[in-house]
C-alpha atoms as a PDB file:
ATOM      1  CA  UNK A   1      -0.336  -0.093  -0.300  1.00  0.00           C
ATOM      2  CA  UNK A   2       2.640   2.476   0.929  1.00  0.00           C
ATOM      3  CA  UNK A   3       3.658   2.561  -2.878  1.00  0.00           C
ATOM      4  CA  UNK A   4       0.735   3.218  -4.278  1.00  0.00           C
ATOM      5  CA  UNK A   5       0.125   5.936  -2.047  1.00  0.00           C
ATOM      6  CA  UNK A   6       4.044   7.171  -3.415  1.00  0.00           C
ATOM      7  CA  UNK A   7       2.812   7.036  -6.286  1.00  0.00           C
ATOM      8  CA  UNK A   8      -0.307   8.942  -6.384  1.00  0.00           C
ATOM      9  CA  UNK A   9       1.929  11.854  -4.710  1.00  0.00           C
ATOM     10  CA  UNK A  10       4.375  11.786  -7.412  1.00  0.00           C
ATOM     11  CA  UNK A  11       1.361  12.531 -10.049  1.00  0.00           C
ATOM     12  CA  UNK A  12       0.258  14.838  -8.062  1.00  0.00           C
ATOM     13  CA  UNK A  13       3.304  16.689  -7.981  1.00  0.00           C
ATOM     14  CA  UNK A  14       4.107  16.602 -11.800  1.00  0.00           C
ATOM     15  CA  UNK A  15       0.815  17.980 -12.444  1.00  0.00           C
ATOM     16  CA  UNK A  16       1.185  20.285 -10.282  1.00  0.00           C
ATOM     17  CA  UNK A  17       4.572  21.032 -11.517  1.00  0.00           C
ATOM     18  CA  UNK A  18       3.419  21.155 -15.642  1.00  0.00           C
ATOM     19  CA  UNK A  19       0.128  23.564 -14.572  1.00  0.00           C
ATOM     20  CA  UNK A  20       2.924  25.629 -13.126  1.00  0.00           C
ATOM     21  CA  UNK A  21       5.126  26.037 -15.694  1.00  0.00           C
ATOM     22  CA  UNK A  22       1.945  26.700 -18.665  1.00  0.00           C
ATOM     23  CA  UNK A  23       0.704  29.385 -16.798  1.00  0.00           C
ATOM     24  CA  UNK A  24       4.090  31.240 -16.533  1.00  0.00           C
ATOM     25  CA  UNK A  25       4.870  30.754 -19.785  1.00  0.00           C
ATOM     26  CA  UNK A  26       1.344  31.509 -21.501  1.00  0.00           C
ATOM     27  CA  UNK A  27       1.017  34.935 -19.526  1.00  0.00           C
ATOM     28  CA  UNK A  28       4.720  36.263 -19.609  1.00  0.00           C
ATOM     29  CA  UNK A  29       5.449  39.929 -17.495  1.00  0.00           C
ATOM     30  CA  UNK A  30       7.954  40.981 -19.375  1.00  0.00           C
ATOM     31  CA  UNK A  31       7.522  44.076 -21.435  1.00  0.00           C
ATOM     32  CA  UNK A  32       3.486  43.968 -20.800  1.00  0.00           C
ATOM     33  CA  UNK A  33       2.460  46.709 -23.508  1.00  0.00           C
ATOM     34  CA  UNK A  34       0.618  49.736 -21.419  1.00  0.00           C
ATOM     35  CA  UNK A  35      -1.928  52.354 -22.861  1.00  0.00           C
ATOM     36  CA  UNK A  36      -3.419  55.178 -21.014  1.00  0.00           C
ATOM     37  CA  UNK A  37      -6.335  57.227 -22.339  1.00  0.00           C
ATOM     38  CA  UNK A  38      -6.176  60.686 -21.300  1.00  0.00           C
ATOM     39  CA  UNK A  39      -7.395  63.423 -23.243  1.00  0.00           C
ATOM     40  CA  UNK A  40      -9.504  61.288 -25.475  1.00  0.00           C
ATOM     41  CA  UNK A  41      -7.535  59.201 -27.007  1.00  0.00           C
ATOM     42  CA  UNK A  42      -5.468  56.396 -26.275  1.00  0.00           C
ATOM     43  CA  UNK A  43      -1.388  56.764 -25.769  1.00  0.00           C
ATOM     44  CA  UNK A  44      -0.176  54.995 -27.728  1.00  0.00           C
ATOM     45  CA  UNK A  45      -2.169  54.729 -30.273  1.00  0.00           C
ATOM     46  CA  UNK A  46      -0.020  51.591 -31.657  1.00  0.00           C
ATOM     47  CA  UNK A  47       1.266  48.753 -29.746  1.00  0.00           C
ATOM     48  CA  UNK A  48       3.142  45.716 -31.578  1.00  0.00           C
ATOM     49  CA  UNK A  49       3.768  42.456 -30.151  1.00  0.00           C
ATOM     50  CA  UNK A  50       5.110  39.068 -30.554  1.00  0.00           C
ATOM     51  CA  UNK A  51       2.765  36.990 -32.478  1.00  0.00           C
ATOM     52  CA  UNK A  52       1.923  33.782 -31.490  1.00  0.00           C
ATOM     53  CA  UNK A  53       2.288  34.647 -27.730  1.00  0.00           C
ATOM     54  CA  UNK A  54      -0.145  35.090 -25.373  1.00  0.00           C
ATOM     55  CA  UNK A  55       0.300  38.604 -23.592  1.00  0.00           C
ATOM     56  CA  UNK A  56      -1.297  40.887 -21.686  1.00  0.00           C
ATOM     57  CA  UNK A  57      -2.337  44.817 -21.751  1.00  0.00           C
ATOM     58  CA  UNK A  58      -2.242  47.471 -19.092  1.00  0.00           C
ATOM     59  CA  UNK A  59      -5.203  49.952 -19.631  1.00  0.00           C
ATOM     60  CA  UNK A  60      -5.166  53.096 -17.454  1.00  0.00           C
ATOM     61  CA  UNK A  61      -7.542  55.353 -17.128  1.00  0.00           C
ATOM     62  CA  UNK A  62      -6.709  59.048 -17.510  1.00  0.00           C
ATOM     63  CA  UNK A  63      -9.452  61.026 -17.493  1.00  0.00           C
ATOM     64  CA  UNK A  64     -12.464  61.587 -15.318  1.00  0.00           C
ATOM     65  CA  UNK A  65     -14.825  59.612 -16.999  1.00  0.00           C
ATOM     66  CA  UNK A  66     -15.276  56.115 -17.336  1.00  0.00           C
ATOM     67  CA  UNK A  67     -14.272  53.713 -20.778  1.00  0.00           C
ATOM     68  CA  UNK A  68     -14.579  51.264 -22.056  1.00  0.00           C
ATOM     69  CA  UNK A  69     -11.753  49.397 -24.010  1.00  0.00           C
ATOM     70  CA  UNK A  70     -13.084  47.476 -26.462  1.00  0.00           C
ATOM     71  CA  UNK A  71     -11.989  44.902 -29.494  1.00  0.00           C
ATOM     72  CA  UNK A  72     -14.267  43.088 -31.652  1.00  0.00           C
ATOM     73  CA  UNK A  73     -11.656  41.308 -32.871  1.00  0.00           C
ATOM     74  CA  UNK A  74      -9.573  40.871 -29.498  1.00  0.00           C
ATOM     75  CA  UNK A  75     -13.147  39.315 -27.884  1.00  0.00           C
ATOM     76  CA  UNK A  76     -12.907  41.564 -25.684  1.00  0.00           C
ATOM     77  CA  UNK A  77     -14.780  44.149 -23.412  1.00  0.00           C
ATOM     78  CA  UNK A  78     -13.638  45.932 -20.101  1.00  0.00           C
ATOM     79  CA  UNK A  79     -15.137  49.160 -18.139  1.00  0.00           C
ATOM     80  CA  UNK A  80     -12.177  50.993 -16.626  1.00  0.00           C
ATOM     81  CA  UNK A  81     -12.840  53.815 -14.028  1.00  0.00           C
ATOM     82  CA  UNK A  82     -11.346  56.922 -13.969  1.00  0.00           C
ATOM     83  CA  UNK A  83      -7.585  56.752 -12.462  1.00  0.00           C
ATOM     84  CA  UNK A  84      -8.189  53.157 -12.225  1.00  0.00           C
ATOM     85  CA  UNK A  85      -5.704  50.134 -14.390  1.00  0.00           C
ATOM     86  CA  UNK A  86      -6.982  46.848 -15.643  1.00  0.00           C
ATOM     87  CA  UNK A  87      -5.299  44.286 -17.090  1.00  0.00           C
ATOM     88  CA  UNK A  88      -6.079  42.707 -20.277  1.00  0.00           C
ATOM     89  CA  UNK A  89      -5.496  39.167 -21.019  1.00  0.00           C
ATOM     90  CA  UNK A  90      -4.725  38.587 -24.996  1.00  0.00           C
ATOM     91  CA  UNK A  91      -4.920  34.697 -26.212  1.00  0.00           C
ATOM     92  CA  UNK A  92      -1.914  34.287 -29.038  1.00  0.00           C
ATOM     93  CA  UNK A  93      -2.149  35.963 -31.669  1.00  0.00           C
ATOM     94  CA  UNK A  94      -1.831  35.290 -35.956  1.00  0.00           C
ATOM     95  CA  UNK A  95       0.338  38.015 -37.095  1.00  0.00           C
ATOM     96  CA  UNK A  96      -1.884  40.863 -38.120  1.00  0.00           C
ATOM     97  CA  UNK A  97      -3.980  43.916 -37.039  1.00  0.00           C
ATOM     98  CA  UNK A  98      -6.203  44.365 -34.308  1.00  0.00           C
ATOM     99  CA  UNK A  99      -8.316  47.317 -33.413  1.00  0.00           C
ATOM    100  CA  UNK A 100      -9.816  48.590 -30.395  1.00  0.00           C
ATOM    101  CA  UNK A 101     -11.360  51.863 -29.129  1.00  0.00           C
ATOM    102  CA  UNK A 102     -13.286  53.392 -26.173  1.00  0.00           C
ATOM    103  CA  UNK A 103     -16.996  52.283 -26.885  1.00  0.00           C
ATOM    104  CA  UNK A 104     -18.189  54.873 -24.678  1.00  0.00           C
ATOM    105  CA  UNK A 105     -16.334  57.811 -26.707  1.00  0.00           C
ATOM    106  CA  UNK A 106     -17.382  57.013 -30.353  1.00  0.00           C
ATOM    107  CA  UNK A 107     -15.163  60.482 -31.391  1.00  0.00           C
ATOM    108  CA  UNK A 108     -12.127  59.211 -29.889  1.00  0.00           C
ATOM    109  CA  UNK A 109      -9.603  57.724 -32.158  1.00  0.00           C
ATOM    110  CA  UNK A 110      -9.000  53.821 -32.652  1.00  0.00           C
ATOM    111  CA  UNK A 111      -5.657  51.778 -31.535  1.00  0.00           C
ATOM    112  CA  UNK A 112      -3.803  49.100 -33.205  1.00  0.00           C
ATOM    113  CA  UNK A 113      -2.690  46.236 -31.701  1.00  0.00           C
ATOM    114  CA  UNK A 114      -0.171  44.426 -34.311  1.00  0.00           C
ATOM    115  CA  UNK A 115       0.856  41.470 -34.148  1.00  0.00           C
ATOM    116  CA  UNK A 116       4.468  40.061 -35.550  1.00  0.00           C
END
């Protein structure tokens, strides 16, 4: 019986370790692009990310009104209150251009995430 218990413990340890490696590899913290909504537009308006790699984008709202970071192509929409910074997780993207915008202020210029 003790041998079977040791095998279960080893299997659990391997499974947990592999989940940790997968999680840390999927959304690496190094160089998360930062977008700032200020004076009615996103700065920078264009961001380049590596293709075929999951990433996260930090979005800060420096305006006095709430915004909605939205992208139909990325299937993301998040409300960002004034003074708030949010993290938007994005799966690996094929090479190309992906538009984002503030859905609360349609007169604000759109931005682009370029994957290459």
